[in-house]
Amino acid sequence: MSPSRLLIALALLMALPLFLAPVNRNIADVGLVLNLVLLAAAIVDFFISPSPRVIEVHRDVADVLSVATRNPTMLRVKNRSGCALRLTIDDEPGPLAETVDLPQTLLLQPWKEMGIQYGVIPLKRGENELGPVYLTYPTRWRLWNRRDVRQLPSKVKVYPDIRAVHRYDLLARQNRLAELGVRTMRMPGQGREFERLREFRYGDETRHIDWKATSRQRTLVTREFNVERNQNIVIMIDCGRFMRNESDGVSYLDRALNSAIMLAYIALGQGDNVSLLAFSNKIERFIRPVRGKPGIQSILRSTYDIQVSQHAADYPMALEYLARVQRNRALVLLITFITDELQLDVIGESLRLKTLPYLPLCVLLQDEGLRDLAHRIPDSDLHAYHTAAAAQILGRQAAKVATLRDAGIMIIDTPPQLLTERLINEYLNIKMRGLI
């Protein structure tokens, strides 16, 4: 409890006659009486005002939250007194999250219940616990501000961005996937199961022309096949120390996991088998192949607490492990962040192994800070040196990437913010071309 501004102002005002005591004793006596009246009023106001015990507070929050996104949360408060309360509410989200749309003030009528909605934005994955709720309200005559702290521990698990999966489903049903940057494309595939006959279009393979139907229709007719299903997709995620880099406050590892979850959900919807391998200098986590959209829950439960390692990523070790557990042909997507061309050499040597029945796709997250530095207009000799050094590093990396592409390794070089859409579009393009 603390005195309100009104009480402080009245106390200062009524203290003025006391300073006139040397001039006029009667005025000082009046001031003393006024201060005693104010003190009595403050005491009476304290006792006639509702106690914090008459306020009930409950927090409604999901057991599972998505990292780096707004998760709707509600506080329900009930006034069990006979007078209205102007209540200000704030929430403590814990060390791994922050809140939006708080604090809020509401007029809580007698014996009524109200709810306030706000958002919790977790900053890191893993287990978190929401802290206490803070209540503040003025007394009946507004001479005091009463405060109370309610301990409402709410344990939550922070997963990768699972809300993106729901957004994808919603937009897919409304044929609005372009809003996510995903190109809508038909998946005719290169499988063996015949689907239909259709008119020949430029770019179709001549070996698929149905000559009997062509002779009947007197125009070229081609056979179309269903896309192949039950193919193997392996998502490899670098958890080494370089993935601690951040973009817009979100670590590269979190962005990689968010994109991996989204890609896995789409691949499962295509009928493919999806497995996930997280590694640093050791195997952090391996999720064996799952199938069907419900399998996304298994991936979520197994990856939500993966954190960045203190060690650098060991690519050869991870590929050797993968060769032992995944012997069938598979599309292998490696999501990583590199700082120099030497790492690209190691990645290239690991992915070029002819004995592995894999179709490799290397996804490189760009260093935004380095690119900004390379494109900065220098205003001093030191800044010019920094800009030249950054441009040289990027140039060497680009040359090495071109070399790897010439060697047959597919590479996506993308800013972290565009990772999800580019990864999904490349996967759909690979499926459409029947490369797996």
Protein backbone atom coordinates (compact mmCIF):
# COMPACT_ATOMS: atom_id res chain seq x y z
CA MET A 1 0.00 0.00 0.00
CA SER A 2 1.21 3.51 -0.82
CA PRO A 3 -0.26 7.03 -0.52
CA SER A 4 -1.95 8.29 -3.64
CA ARG A 5 -1.10 11.55 -5.37
CA LEU A 6 -4.31 13.02 -3.95
CA LEU A 7 -3.25 12.24 -0.37
CA ILE A 8 0.23 13.67 -0.94
CA ALA A 9 -1.20 16.84 -2.48
CA LEU A 10 -3.67 17.34 0.38
CA ALA A 11 -0.95 16.73 2.96
CA LEU A 12 1.28 19.37 1.36
CA LEU A 13 -1.59 21.82 1.10
CA MET A 14 -2.61 21.41 4.72
CA ALA A 15 0.98 21.68 5.86
CA LEU A 16 1.24 25.27 4.57
CA PRO A 17 -0.44 26.86 7.65
CA LEU A 18 2.18 25.21 9.86
CA PHE A 19 4.88 27.28 8.21
CA LEU A 20 3.00 30.41 9.32
CA ALA A 21 3.32 29.52 13.02
CA PRO A 22 5.91 32.25 13.73
CA VAL A 23 3.58 34.85 12.20
CA ASN A 24 0.18 33.75 13.50
CA ARG A 25 -0.33 31.05 16.09
CA ASN A 26 -4.04 30.66 15.29
CA ILE A 27 -3.32 29.83 11.65
CA ALA A 28 -0.85 27.15 12.76
CA ASP A 29 -3.52 25.64 15.05
CA VAL A 30 -5.94 25.50 12.12
CA GLY A 31 -3.29 23.75 10.03
CA LEU A 32 -2.70 21.23 12.80
CA VAL A 33 -6.42 20.48 13.02
CA LEU A 34 -6.66 20.05 9.25
CA ASN A 35 -3.76 17.61 9.25
CA LEU A 36 -5.38 15.61 12.05
CA VAL A 37 -8.63 15.49 10.05
CA LEU A 38 -6.72 14.33 6.97
CA LEU A 39 -4.97 11.65 9.01
CA ALA A 40 -8.28 10.44 10.39
CA ALA A 41 -9.81 10.42 6.91
CA ALA A 42 -6.87 8.39 5.60
CA ILE A 43 -7.28 5.85 8.42
CA VAL A 44 -11.03 5.59 7.86
CA ASP A 45 -10.50 5.26 4.08
CA PHE A 46 -8.11 2.36 4.65
CA PHE A 47 -10.54 0.43 6.83
CA ILE A 48 -13.73 1.01 4.79
CA SER A 49 -12.10 0.04 1.50
CA PRO A 50 -12.12 -3.57 0.22
CA SER A 51 -9.18 -5.77 1.08
CA PRO A 52 -7.20 -7.42 -1.77
CA ARG A 53 -8.55 -10.72 -0.46
CA VAL A 54 -11.92 -9.97 -2.10
CA ILE A 55 -10.33 -10.18 -5.56
CA GLU A 56 -10.06 -13.60 -7.18
CA VAL A 57 -7.59 -14.05 -10.04
CA HIS A 58 -7.18 -16.97 -12.43
CA ARG A 59 -4.87 -17.27 -15.45
CA ASP A 60 -5.94 -19.18 -18.56
CA VAL A 61 -2.92 -20.16 -20.65
CA ALA A 62 -2.23 -23.13 -22.90
CA ASP A 63 0.16 -25.82 -21.71
CA VAL A 64 2.11 -25.48 -24.97
CA LEU A 65 3.22 -22.13 -26.42
CA SER A 66 4.94 -21.26 -29.69
CA VAL A 67 8.29 -19.51 -29.60
CA ALA A 68 8.65 -15.96 -30.99
CA THR A 69 4.90 -15.62 -31.65
CA ARG A 70 2.04 -14.04 -29.75
CA ASN A 71 0.20 -16.68 -27.72
CA PRO A 72 -3.26 -15.55 -26.51
CA THR A 73 -3.62 -15.59 -22.73
CA MET A 74 -6.40 -14.46 -20.39
CA LEU A 75 -6.63 -13.30 -16.79
CA ARG A 76 -10.04 -13.69 -15.16
CA VAL A 77 -10.73 -11.49 -12.11
CA LYS A 78 -13.77 -11.48 -9.83
CA ASN A 79 -14.84 -8.77 -7.38
CA ARG A 80 -16.32 -10.33 -4.23
CA SER A 81 -17.04 -6.99 -2.56
CA GLY A 82 -19.97 -4.61 -2.62
CA CYS A 83 -18.19 -1.67 -4.25
CA ALA A 84 -16.69 -1.11 -7.68
CA LEU A 85 -12.91 -1.35 -8.09
CA ARG A 86 -10.74 0.34 -10.71
CA LEU A 87 -8.19 -2.41 -11.03
CA THR A 88 -4.83 -2.26 -12.85
CA ILE A 89 -3.40 -5.70 -13.69
CA ASP A 90 0.05 -6.75 -14.83
CA ASP A 91 1.58 -10.19 -15.34
CA GLU A 92 5.11 -11.52 -14.92
CA PRO A 93 5.87 -13.84 -17.87
CA GLY A 94 9.04 -15.34 -16.45
CA PRO A 95 12.66 -15.01 -17.59
CA LEU A 96 12.12 -16.59 -21.02
CA ALA A 97 9.15 -14.57 -22.29
CA GLU A 98 7.59 -11.13 -22.53
CA THR A 99 4.00 -9.84 -22.55
CA VAL A 100 2.13 -7.45 -24.82
CA ASP A 101 -1.02 -5.38 -24.11
CA LEU A 102 -0.19 -5.14 -20.41
CA PRO A 103 -0.76 -3.56 -17.94
CA GLN A 104 -4.52 -3.05 -18.35
CA THR A 105 -7.03 -1.13 -16.23
CA LEU A 106 -10.67 -2.13 -15.87
CA LEU A 107 -13.66 -1.08 -13.79
CA LEU A 108 -14.76 -4.18 -11.91
CA GLN A 109 -18.36 -3.92 -10.73
CA PRO A 110 -19.50 -5.45 -7.40
CA TRP A 111 -19.84 -9.25 -7.48
CA LYS A 112 -18.92 -9.35 -11.15
CA GLU A 113 -16.26 -11.26 -13.09
CA MET A 114 -14.29 -9.94 -16.06
CA GLY A 115 -11.48 -11.17 -18.25
CA ILE A 116 -8.61 -9.37 -19.94
CA GLN A 117 -6.81 -10.74 -22.97
CA TYR A 118 -3.15 -10.21 -23.72
CA GLY A 119 -0.28 -11.97 -25.43
CA VAL A 120 2.71 -13.94 -24.17
CA ILE A 121 5.70 -14.06 -26.53
CA PRO A 122 8.24 -16.72 -25.46
CA LEU A 123 11.80 -15.80 -26.40
CA LYS A 124 13.29 -19.29 -26.07
CA ARG A 125 12.11 -22.84 -26.39
CA GLY A 126 12.04 -25.24 -23.46
CA GLU A 127 10.20 -25.26 -20.17
CA ASN A 128 9.09 -21.94 -18.69
CA GLU A 129 7.01 -20.86 -15.74
CA LEU A 130 4.81 -17.77 -15.75
CA GLY A 131 5.29 -15.74 -12.59
CA PRO A 132 3.02 -13.70 -10.30
CA VAL A 133 0.19 -11.33 -11.20
CA TYR A 134 0.33 -7.76 -9.84
CA LEU A 135 -2.87 -5.96 -8.76
CA THR A 136 -3.22 -2.24 -8.01
CA TYR A 137 -6.40 -0.32 -7.15
CA PRO A 138 -7.29 2.92 -5.30
CA THR A 139 -9.22 2.91 -2.04
CA ARG A 140 -12.80 4.18 -1.80
CA TRP A 141 -11.82 7.83 -1.19
CA ARG A 142 -8.72 7.47 -3.43
CA LEU A 143 -6.33 8.37 -0.63
CA TRP A 144 -4.34 5.13 -0.92
CA ASN A 145 -3.21 2.75 -3.67
CA ARG A 146 -3.47 -0.82 -2.53
CA ARG A 147 -1.21 -3.41 -4.13
CA ASP A 148 -1.16 -7.16 -4.06
CA VAL A 149 0.95 -9.89 -5.63
CA ARG A 150 -0.72 -13.19 -6.54
CA GLN A 151 1.52 -16.17 -7.04
CA LEU A 152 -0.01 -18.02 -9.99
CA PRO A 153 2.74 -20.39 -11.18
CA SER A 154 1.84 -21.77 -14.60
CA LYS A 155 4.29 -24.23 -16.10
CA VAL A 156 4.32 -24.20 -19.89
CA LYS A 157 6.32 -25.86 -22.63
CA VAL A 158 7.59 -23.61 -25.39
CA TYR A 159 7.59 -25.41 -28.75
CA PRO A 160 8.73 -24.26 -32.16
CA ASP A 161 6.16 -22.17 -34.01
CA ILE A 162 3.29 -24.70 -34.15
CA ARG A 163 0.79 -21.92 -34.82
CA ALA A 164 2.31 -21.61 -38.31
CA VAL A 165 1.06 -25.13 -39.02
CA HIS A 166 -2.51 -24.09 -38.20
CA ARG A 167 -2.13 -20.98 -40.37
CA TYR A 168 -0.91 -23.14 -43.24
CA ASP A 169 -3.93 -25.46 -42.94
CA LEU A 170 -6.32 -22.53 -42.83
CA LEU A 171 -4.80 -20.77 -45.85
CA ALA A 172 -4.56 -24.06 -47.77
CA ARG A 173 -8.31 -24.62 -47.32
CA GLN A 174 -8.93 -21.08 -48.56
CA ASN A 175 -6.47 -21.42 -51.46
CA ARG A 176 -4.40 -18.51 -50.10
CA LEU A 177 -0.96 -20.14 -49.66
CA ALA A 178 0.63 -17.30 -51.64
CA GLU A 179 0.28 -15.17 -48.48
CA LEU A 180 2.90 -17.44 -46.87
CA GLY A 181 5.15 -17.20 -49.91
CA VAL A 182 4.38 -20.80 -50.93
CA ARG A 183 3.88 -21.31 -54.64
CA THR A 184 0.79 -23.34 -55.48
CA MET A 185 1.70 -26.07 -57.94
CA ARG A 186 0.16 -29.28 -59.12
CA MET A 187 2.21 -32.37 -58.30
CA PRO A 188 1.88 -34.66 -61.33
CA GLY A 189 5.07 -36.45 -60.35
CA GLN A 190 7.16 -39.05 -62.11
CA GLY A 191 5.76 -42.10 -60.40
CA ARG A 192 4.60 -45.35 -61.95
CA GLU A 193 0.91 -45.13 -61.01
CA PHE A 194 -1.13 -43.86 -63.95
CA GLU A 195 -3.52 -41.01 -63.08
CA ARG A 196 -5.06 -39.65 -66.29
CA LEU A 197 -4.69 -38.68 -69.94
CA ARG A 198 -4.43 -35.03 -70.90
CA GLU A 199 -3.43 -32.84 -73.81
CA PHE A 200 0.31 -32.64 -74.47
CA ARG A 201 1.94 -29.42 -73.23
CA TYR A 202 5.30 -27.91 -74.02
CA GLY A 203 7.91 -29.38 -71.70
CA ASP A 204 6.26 -32.80 -71.31
CA GLU A 205 8.46 -35.82 -71.94
CA THR A 206 7.83 -37.46 -75.31
CA ARG A 207 8.15 -40.94 -73.83
CA HIS A 208 4.88 -40.33 -71.97
CA ILE A 209 2.87 -39.68 -75.14
CA ASP A 210 -0.01 -42.14 -75.55
CA TRP A 211 0.05 -42.83 -79.28
CA LYS A 212 -3.21 -44.76 -79.36
CA ALA A 213 -5.12 -41.91 -77.74
CA THR A 214 -3.26 -39.47 -79.99
CA SER A 215 -4.44 -41.28 -83.11
CA ARG A 216 -8.03 -41.25 -81.90
CA GLN A 217 -8.05 -37.60 -80.86
CA ARG A 218 -5.84 -36.42 -83.75
CA THR A 219 -3.86 -34.34 -81.29
CA LEU A 220 -0.96 -35.19 -79.00
CA VAL A 221 -2.12 -36.82 -75.74
CA THR A 222 0.22 -37.64 -72.86
CA ARG A 223 -0.06 -39.84 -69.82
CA GLU A 224 0.14 -38.26 -66.35
CA PHE A 225 1.23 -40.18 -63.26
CA ASN A 226 0.60 -39.72 -59.56
CA VAL A 227 3.36 -38.20 -57.48
CA GLU A 228 5.42 -40.80 -55.69
CA ARG A 229 4.59 -41.21 -52.04
CA ASN A 230 6.26 -42.92 -49.11
CA GLN A 231 9.59 -41.28 -49.92
CA ASN A 232 12.16 -40.54 -47.21
CA ILE A 233 12.89 -37.00 -46.06
CA VAL A 234 15.68 -36.39 -43.53
CA ILE A 235 16.01 -32.93 -41.98
CA MET A 236 19.44 -32.27 -40.46
CA ILE A 237 19.68 -29.24 -38.18
CA ASP A 238 22.97 -27.74 -37.09
CA CYS A 239 22.89 -27.03 -33.34
CA GLY A 240 26.48 -25.80 -33.17
CA ARG A 241 27.51 -22.59 -31.48
CA PHE A 242 27.24 -20.49 -34.65
CA MET A 243 23.48 -21.08 -34.68
CA ARG A 244 23.30 -18.81 -31.63
CA ASN A 245 23.25 -15.84 -34.05
CA GLU A 246 19.97 -13.93 -34.01
CA SER A 247 17.73 -12.28 -36.57
CA ASP A 248 15.05 -9.89 -35.26
CA GLY A 249 15.60 -11.31 -31.77
CA VAL A 250 15.11 -14.96 -32.86
CA SER A 251 18.08 -17.32 -32.91
CA TYR A 252 19.03 -19.09 -36.13
CA LEU A 253 18.38 -22.42 -34.40
CA ASP A 254 14.81 -21.39 -33.58
CA ARG A 255 14.25 -20.26 -37.16
CA ALA A 256 15.66 -23.56 -38.42
CA LEU A 257 13.40 -25.57 -36.12
CA ASN A 258 10.33 -23.50 -37.06
CA SER A 259 11.00 -24.11 -40.75
CA ALA A 260 11.74 -27.79 -40.16
CA ILE A 261 8.42 -28.27 -38.37
CA MET A 262 6.55 -26.55 -41.20
CA LEU A 263 8.34 -28.57 -43.87
CA ALA A 264 7.81 -31.82 -41.97
CA TYR A 265 4.09 -31.14 -41.71
CA ILE A 266 3.81 -30.52 -45.46
CA ALA A 267 5.93 -33.57 -46.31
CA LEU A 268 3.82 -35.76 -44.03
CA GLY A 269 0.75 -34.44 -45.82
CA GLN A 270 2.34 -35.54 -49.11
CA GLY A 271 2.61 -39.09 -47.77
CA ASP A 272 6.38 -39.03 -47.21
CA ASN A 273 8.32 -40.39 -44.25
CA VAL A 274 10.08 -37.67 -42.23
CA SER A 275 12.94 -38.03 -39.78
CA LEU A 276 14.96 -35.32 -38.04
CA LEU A 277 18.57 -35.27 -36.92
CA ALA A 278 19.89 -32.49 -34.65
CA PHE A 279 23.66 -32.42 -34.14
CA SER A 280 26.58 -30.36 -32.91
CA ASN A 281 29.85 -32.10 -32.09
CA LYS A 282 27.61 -35.03 -31.14
CA ILE A 283 24.16 -36.29 -32.01
CA GLU A 284 21.80 -34.13 -29.98
CA ARG A 285 18.57 -35.80 -31.08
CA PHE A 286 17.40 -38.28 -33.72
CA ILE A 287 13.72 -38.76 -34.45
CA ARG A 288 13.08 -41.94 -36.39
CA PRO A 289 10.87 -41.72 -39.49
CA VAL A 290 7.25 -40.83 -38.84
CA ARG A 291 4.39 -40.90 -41.31
CA GLY A 292 1.05 -39.10 -41.56
CA LYS A 293 0.11 -35.67 -40.25
CA PRO A 294 -0.33 -36.86 -36.64
CA GLY A 295 3.40 -37.69 -36.70
CA ILE A 296 4.15 -33.97 -36.38
CA GLN A 297 3.28 -34.24 -32.69
CA SER A 298 6.08 -36.75 -32.19
CA ILE A 299 8.56 -34.38 -33.83
CA LEU A 300 7.34 -31.44 -31.74
CA ARG A 301 7.59 -33.31 -28.45
CA SER A 302 11.10 -34.46 -29.28
CA THR A 303 12.57 -31.13 -30.39
CA TYR A 304 11.04 -28.41 -28.21
CA ASP A 305 13.90 -28.42 -25.69
CA ILE A 306 16.86 -28.62 -28.10
CA GLN A 307 19.31 -25.81 -27.35
CA VAL A 308 22.42 -24.39 -29.00
CA SER A 309 25.60 -26.25 -28.10
CA GLN A 310 28.84 -24.64 -26.96
CA HIS A 311 30.74 -26.60 -29.60
CA ALA A 312 31.04 -26.30 -33.37
CA ALA A 313 29.10 -28.64 -35.64
CA ASP A 314 30.82 -31.84 -36.80
CA TYR A 315 29.37 -32.49 -40.27
CA PRO A 316 31.31 -35.69 -41.12
CA MET A 317 30.28 -37.27 -37.80
CA ALA A 318 26.62 -36.43 -38.44
CA LEU A 319 26.71 -37.87 -41.98
CA GLU A 320 28.44 -41.04 -40.75
CA TYR A 321 25.72 -41.49 -38.13
CA LEU A 322 23.02 -40.87 -40.72
CA ALA A 323 24.57 -43.48 -43.01
CA ARG A 324 24.14 -46.07 -40.25
CA VAL A 325 20.50 -45.29 -39.45
CA GLN A 326 19.22 -44.31 -42.92
CA ARG A 327 20.28 -46.79 -45.59
CA ASN A 328 17.47 -46.15 -48.08
CA ARG A 329 17.43 -43.38 -50.64
CA ALA A 330 16.33 -40.08 -49.09
CA LEU A 331 16.21 -36.35 -49.60
CA VAL A 332 18.63 -34.97 -46.99
CA LEU A 333 18.16 -31.31 -46.08
CA LEU A 334 20.97 -29.77 -44.06
CA ILE A 335 20.12 -26.43 -42.43
CA THR A 336 23.21 -24.66 -41.16
CA PHE A 337 25.04 -21.36 -40.75
CA ILE A 338 28.63 -20.98 -41.90
CA THR A 339 31.17 -18.26 -41.20
CA ASP A 340 33.83 -19.02 -43.84
CA GLU A 341 34.52 -21.06 -46.94
CA LEU A 342 36.44 -23.68 -44.95
CA GLN A 343 33.20 -24.92 -43.44
CA LEU A 344 31.76 -25.16 -46.94
CA ASP A 345 34.72 -27.35 -47.92
CA VAL A 346 33.92 -29.72 -45.06
CA ILE A 347 30.21 -29.74 -45.93
CA GLY A 348 30.97 -30.39 -49.58
CA GLU A 349 33.31 -33.30 -48.84
CA SER A 350 30.73 -34.83 -46.51
CA LEU A 351 27.79 -34.53 -48.90
CA ARG A 352 29.74 -35.65 -51.99
CA LEU A 353 30.25 -39.19 -50.69
CA LYS A 354 29.26 -41.43 -53.60
CA THR A 355 28.42 -44.34 -51.33
CA LEU A 356 25.47 -42.48 -49.77
CA PRO A 357 22.14 -42.99 -51.56
CA TYR A 358 21.06 -39.45 -50.74
CA LEU A 359 19.88 -36.44 -52.67
CA PRO A 360 21.56 -33.62 -50.68
CA LEU A 361 20.10 -30.15 -50.27
CA CYS A 362 22.20 -27.72 -48.26
CA VAL A 363 20.39 -24.70 -46.80
CA LEU A 364 22.73 -21.87 -45.79
CA LEU A 365 21.46 -19.10 -43.53
CA GLN A 366 22.98 -15.77 -44.49
CA ASP A 367 24.93 -13.64 -42.05
CA GLU A 368 22.80 -10.49 -42.03
CA GLY A 369 25.33 -8.47 -40.06
CA LEU A 370 28.11 -9.33 -42.49
CA ARG A 371 25.95 -8.46 -45.51
CA ASP A 372 24.91 -5.14 -43.99
CA LEU A 373 28.58 -4.37 -43.34
CA ALA A 374 29.54 -5.27 -46.92
CA HIS A 375 26.85 -2.97 -48.36
CA ARG A 376 27.57 -0.06 -46.02
CA ILE A 377 28.98 3.13 -47.48
CA PRO A 378 32.16 3.75 -45.44
CA ASP A 379 32.79 7.18 -43.95
CA SER A 380 36.31 6.54 -42.66
CA ASP A 381 39.41 4.51 -43.47
CA LEU A 382 38.59 2.00 -40.74
CA HIS A 383 35.02 1.56 -42.00
CA ALA A 384 36.35 1.13 -45.55
CA TYR A 385 38.65 -1.65 -44.32
CA HIS A 386 35.73 -3.38 -42.55
CA THR A 387 33.52 -3.10 -45.65
CA ALA A 388 36.22 -4.50 -47.91
CA ALA A 389 36.93 -7.40 -45.55
CA ALA A 390 33.21 -8.28 -45.33
CA ALA A 391 32.83 -8.13 -49.11
CA GLN A 392 35.88 -10.38 -49.52
CA ILE A 393 34.49 -12.98 -47.13
CA LEU A 394 31.13 -13.00 -48.91
CA GLY A 395 32.84 -13.23 -52.30
CA ARG A 396 34.83 -16.29 -51.24
CA GLN A 397 31.71 -17.93 -49.86
CA ALA A 398 29.79 -17.24 -53.09
CA ALA A 399 32.61 -18.77 -55.17
CA LYS A 400 32.64 -21.88 -52.99
CA VAL A 401 28.85 -22.19 -53.20
CA ALA A 402 29.09 -22.06 -57.00
CA THR A 403 31.71 -24.82 -56.91
CA LEU A 404 29.46 -27.04 -54.80
CA ARG A 405 26.53 -26.45 -57.13
CA ASP A 406 28.70 -27.49 -60.07
CA ALA A 407 29.51 -30.68 -58.14
CA GLY A 408 25.80 -31.56 -58.03
CA ILE A 409 24.90 -30.36 -54.52
CA MET A 410 21.69 -28.33 -54.40
CA ILE A 411 22.13 -25.22 -52.26
CA ILE A 412 19.71 -22.60 -50.94
CA ASP A 413 21.39 -19.41 -49.72
CA THR A 414 18.70 -17.47 -47.93
CA PRO A 415 18.08 -14.75 -45.34
CA PRO A 416 16.71 -16.25 -42.10
CA GLN A 417 13.32 -14.52 -42.53
CA LEU A 418 12.72 -16.26 -45.89
CA LEU A 419 13.91 -19.70 -44.81
CA THR A 420 10.49 -21.34 -44.44
CA GLU A 421 8.99 -20.32 -47.77
CA ARG A 422 12.15 -21.06 -49.77
CA LEU A 423 12.61 -24.43 -48.11
CA ILE A 424 9.01 -25.46 -48.78
CA ASN A 425 9.08 -24.24 -52.38
CA GLU A 426 12.31 -26.14 -53.09
CA TYR A 427 10.88 -29.33 -51.57
CA LEU A 428 7.72 -29.04 -53.69
CA ASN A 429 9.85 -28.35 -56.76
CA ILE A 430 11.96 -31.47 -56.10
CA LYS A 431 8.81 -33.55 -55.68
CA MET A 432 7.31 -32.15 -58.85
CA ARG A 433 10.44 -32.97 -60.86
CA GLY A 434 10.62 -36.47 -59.38
CA LEU A 435 14.24 -36.11 -58.27
CA ILE A 436 13.99 -38.13 -55.05
